[in-house]
Amino acid sequence: MELLMAIVIGILFMAAVYLILSRSLLKIILGTGLLSHGAHLLILTMGGLGGTSPPVLADGVTDYADPLPQALILTAIVISFGVTAFILVLAYRTYAEHKTDDMNLMRGDDEHD
């Protein structure tokens, strides 16, 4: 299972880097979202996937799962949601101001005028 998760994480990171390196602002935002999902899966996989142990202590339970990766992922999901919402608002204002989402045109290169 860990091998499958490693392949999925690699594909997510690959797609995220490809989108982040594009010129379109919307593709960059989608790439950062994919990158955060890949990081969430990476944290979950590093915490260990196998086992049917409960994540909390109960009476009679001698083996339990580490709840720290789940807590880190939950925190990361909330933070990435806030950052994505903020970036989308910035992208909307940028598009309203410049009438384009092409990063090269927003940079102000003289060769595109």
C-alpha atoms as a PDB file:
ATOM      1  CA  MET A   1       0.000   0.000   0.000  1.00  0.00           C
ATOM      2  CA  GLU A   2       2.864   2.346   0.764  1.00  0.00           C
ATOM      3  CA  LEU A   3       4.250   1.834  -2.734  1.00  0.00           C
ATOM      4  CA  LEU A   4       0.928   2.822  -4.278  1.00  0.00           C
ATOM      5  CA  MET A   5       0.743   5.903  -2.063  1.00  0.00           C
ATOM      6  CA  ALA A   6       4.316   6.838  -3.015  1.00  0.00           C
ATOM      7  CA  ILE A   7       3.393   6.648  -6.699  1.00  0.00           C
ATOM      8  CA  VAL A   8       0.260   8.763  -6.152  1.00  0.00           C
ATOM      9  CA  ILE A   9       2.254  11.320  -4.153  1.00  0.00           C
ATOM     10  CA  GLY A  10       4.886  11.476  -6.895  1.00  0.00           C
ATOM     11  CA  ILE A  11       2.218  12.029  -9.556  1.00  0.00           C
ATOM     12  CA  LEU A  12       0.605  14.782  -7.480  1.00  0.00           C
ATOM     13  CA  PHE A  13       3.949  16.508  -6.942  1.00  0.00           C
ATOM     14  CA  MET A  14       4.815  16.160 -10.629  1.00  0.00           C
ATOM     15  CA  ALA A  15       1.500  17.674 -11.739  1.00  0.00           C
ATOM     16  CA  ALA A  16       1.782  20.430  -9.131  1.00  0.00           C
ATOM     17  CA  VAL A  17       5.262  21.483 -10.244  1.00  0.00           C
ATOM     18  CA  TYR A  18       4.146  21.440 -13.888  1.00  0.00           C
ATOM     19  CA  LEU A  19       1.170  23.683 -13.100  1.00  0.00           C
ATOM     20  CA  ILE A  20       3.156  26.037 -10.860  1.00  0.00           C
ATOM     21  CA  LEU A  21       5.706  26.605 -13.641  1.00  0.00           C
ATOM     22  CA  SER A  22       3.035  27.687 -16.144  1.00  0.00           C
ATOM     23  CA  ARG A  23       2.192  31.257 -17.098  1.00  0.00           C
ATOM     24  CA  SER A  24      -1.484  31.278 -16.146  1.00  0.00           C
ATOM     25  CA  LEU A  25      -2.302  32.509 -12.660  1.00  0.00           C
ATOM     26  CA  LEU A  26      -5.218  30.083 -12.313  1.00  0.00           C
ATOM     27  CA  LYS A  27      -2.973  27.126 -13.168  1.00  0.00           C
ATOM     28  CA  ILE A  28      -0.510  28.290 -10.526  1.00  0.00           C
ATOM     29  CA  ILE A  29      -3.290  28.330  -7.931  1.00  0.00           C
ATOM     30  CA  LEU A  30      -4.416  24.831  -8.945  1.00  0.00           C
ATOM     31  CA  GLY A  31      -0.794  23.685  -8.716  1.00  0.00           C
ATOM     32  CA  THR A  32      -0.465  24.939  -5.156  1.00  0.00           C
ATOM     33  CA  GLY A  33      -3.662  23.083  -4.263  1.00  0.00           C
ATOM     34  CA  LEU A  34      -2.303  19.854  -5.736  1.00  0.00           C
ATOM     35  CA  LEU A  35       0.983  20.409  -3.918  1.00  0.00           C
ATOM     36  CA  SER A  36      -0.818  20.724  -0.587  1.00  0.00           C
ATOM     37  CA  HIS A  37      -2.830  17.545  -1.255  1.00  0.00           C
ATOM     38  CA  GLY A  38       0.383  15.720  -2.056  1.00  0.00           C
ATOM     39  CA  ALA A  39       1.924  16.959   1.185  1.00  0.00           C
ATOM     40  CA  HIS A  40      -1.134  15.760   3.131  1.00  0.00           C
ATOM     41  CA  LEU A  41      -0.833  12.295   1.626  1.00  0.00           C
ATOM     42  CA  LEU A  42       2.901  12.304   2.330  1.00  0.00           C
ATOM     43  CA  ILE A  43       2.335  13.078   6.016  1.00  0.00           C
ATOM     44  CA  LEU A  44      -0.349  10.392   6.224  1.00  0.00           C
ATOM     45  CA  THR A  45       1.886   7.799   4.572  1.00  0.00           C
ATOM     46  CA  MET A  46       4.853   8.662   6.764  1.00  0.00           C
ATOM     47  CA  GLY A  47       2.641   8.204   9.831  1.00  0.00           C
ATOM     48  CA  GLY A  48       1.918   4.634   8.804  1.00  0.00           C
ATOM     49  CA  LEU A  49      -1.027   3.233   6.914  1.00  0.00           C
ATOM     50  CA  GLY A  50      -1.241  -0.324   8.174  1.00  0.00           C
ATOM     51  CA  GLY A  51      -3.021  -1.489  11.238  1.00  0.00           C
ATOM     52  CA  THR A  52      -6.494  -1.564  12.674  1.00  0.00           C
ATOM     53  CA  SER A  53      -5.495  -0.035  15.984  1.00  0.00           C
ATOM     54  CA  PRO A  54      -7.694   2.762  17.296  1.00  0.00           C
ATOM     55  CA  PRO A  55      -6.158   6.262  17.380  1.00  0.00           C
ATOM     56  CA  VAL A  56      -7.271   6.824  20.994  1.00  0.00           C
ATOM     57  CA  LEU A  57      -6.724   4.948  24.213  1.00  0.00           C
ATOM     58  CA  ALA A  58      -9.639   2.916  25.526  1.00  0.00           C
ATOM     59  CA  ASP A  59     -10.111   0.311  28.206  1.00  0.00           C
ATOM     60  CA  GLY A  60      -8.379  -2.922  27.333  1.00  0.00           C
ATOM     61  CA  VAL A  61      -6.474  -1.535  24.327  1.00  0.00           C
ATOM     62  CA  THR A  62      -2.757  -2.231  24.427  1.00  0.00           C
ATOM     63  CA  ASP A  63      -1.828  -1.093  20.909  1.00  0.00           C
ATOM     64  CA  TYR A  64      -2.953   2.238  19.488  1.00  0.00           C
ATOM     65  CA  ALA A  65      -2.179   4.318  16.406  1.00  0.00           C
ATOM     66  CA  ASP A  66      -0.294   7.583  16.585  1.00  0.00           C
ATOM     67  CA  PRO A  67      -2.849  10.431  16.280  1.00  0.00           C
ATOM     68  CA  LEU A  68      -0.202  13.069  15.487  1.00  0.00           C
ATOM     69  CA  PRO A  69      -0.222  12.634  11.653  1.00  0.00           C
ATOM     70  CA  GLN A  70      -4.011  13.002  11.555  1.00  0.00           C
ATOM     71  CA  ALA A  71      -3.816  16.155  13.676  1.00  0.00           C
ATOM     72  CA  LEU A  72      -1.092  17.605  11.451  1.00  0.00           C
ATOM     73  CA  ILE A  73      -3.095  16.853   8.312  1.00  0.00           C
ATOM     74  CA  LEU A  74      -6.248  18.417   9.746  1.00  0.00           C
ATOM     75  CA  THR A  75      -4.321  21.561  10.617  1.00  0.00           C
ATOM     76  CA  ALA A  76      -2.671  21.630   7.186  1.00  0.00           C
ATOM     77  CA  ILE A  77      -6.046  21.261   5.434  1.00  0.00           C
ATOM     78  CA  VAL A  78      -7.455  24.257   7.297  1.00  0.00           C
ATOM     79  CA  ILE A  79      -4.373  26.369   6.583  1.00  0.00           C
ATOM     80  CA  SER A  80      -4.282  25.410   2.886  1.00  0.00           C
ATOM     81  CA  PHE A  81      -7.988  26.253   2.554  1.00  0.00           C
ATOM     82  CA  GLY A  82      -7.370  29.726   3.968  1.00  0.00           C
ATOM     83  CA  VAL A  83      -4.311  30.305   1.800  1.00  0.00           C
ATOM     84  CA  THR A  84      -6.152  29.118  -1.322  1.00  0.00           C
ATOM     85  CA  ALA A  85      -9.086  31.430  -0.588  1.00  0.00           C
ATOM     86  CA  PHE A  86      -6.686  34.349  -0.107  1.00  0.00           C
ATOM     87  CA  ILE A  87      -4.805  33.579  -3.339  1.00  0.00           C
ATOM     88  CA  LEU A  88      -8.093  33.323  -5.273  1.00  0.00           C
ATOM     89  CA  VAL A  89      -9.148  36.762  -4.031  1.00  0.00           C
ATOM     90  CA  LEU A  90      -5.761  38.186  -5.022  1.00  0.00           C
ATOM     91  CA  ALA A  91      -6.048  36.562  -8.456  1.00  0.00           C
ATOM     92  CA  TYR A  92      -9.525  38.015  -8.939  1.00  0.00           C
ATOM     93  CA  ARG A  93      -8.329  41.518  -8.044  1.00  0.00           C
ATOM     94  CA  THR A  94      -5.297  41.117 -10.288  1.00  0.00           C
ATOM     95  CA  TYR A  95      -7.471  40.037 -13.208  1.00  0.00           C
ATOM     96  CA  ALA A  96      -9.866  42.931 -12.575  1.00  0.00           C
ATOM     97  CA  GLU A  97      -6.952  45.385 -12.584  1.00  0.00           C
ATOM     98  CA  HIS A  98      -4.826  44.031 -15.460  1.00  0.00           C
ATOM     99  CA  LYS A  99      -7.473  42.178 -17.576  1.00  0.00           C
ATOM    100  CA  THR A 100      -5.147  39.180 -17.996  1.00  0.00           C
ATOM    101  CA  ASP A 101      -3.914  36.200 -16.018  1.00  0.00           C
ATOM    102  CA  ASP A 102      -0.707  35.751 -18.019  1.00  0.00           C
ATOM    103  CA  MET A 103       2.240  36.236 -15.681  1.00  0.00           C
ATOM    104  CA  ASN A 104       4.539  37.530 -18.455  1.00  0.00           C
ATOM    105  CA  LEU A 105       2.074  40.264 -19.411  1.00  0.00           C
ATOM    106  CA  MET A 106       1.633  41.277 -15.778  1.00  0.00           C
ATOM    107  CA  ARG A 107       5.406  41.508 -15.355  1.00  0.00           C
ATOM    108  CA  GLY A 108       5.473  44.399 -17.809  1.00  0.00           C
ATOM    109  CA  ASP A 109       7.934  43.108 -20.405  1.00  0.00           C
ATOM    110  CA  ASP A 110       8.426  45.615 -23.229  1.00  0.00           C
ATOM    111  CA  GLU A 111       8.545  42.923 -25.906  1.00  0.00           C
ATOM    112  CA  HIS A 112       4.834  42.065 -25.484  1.00  0.00           C
ATOM    113  CA  ASP A 113       3.551  45.644 -26.018  1.00  0.00           C
END
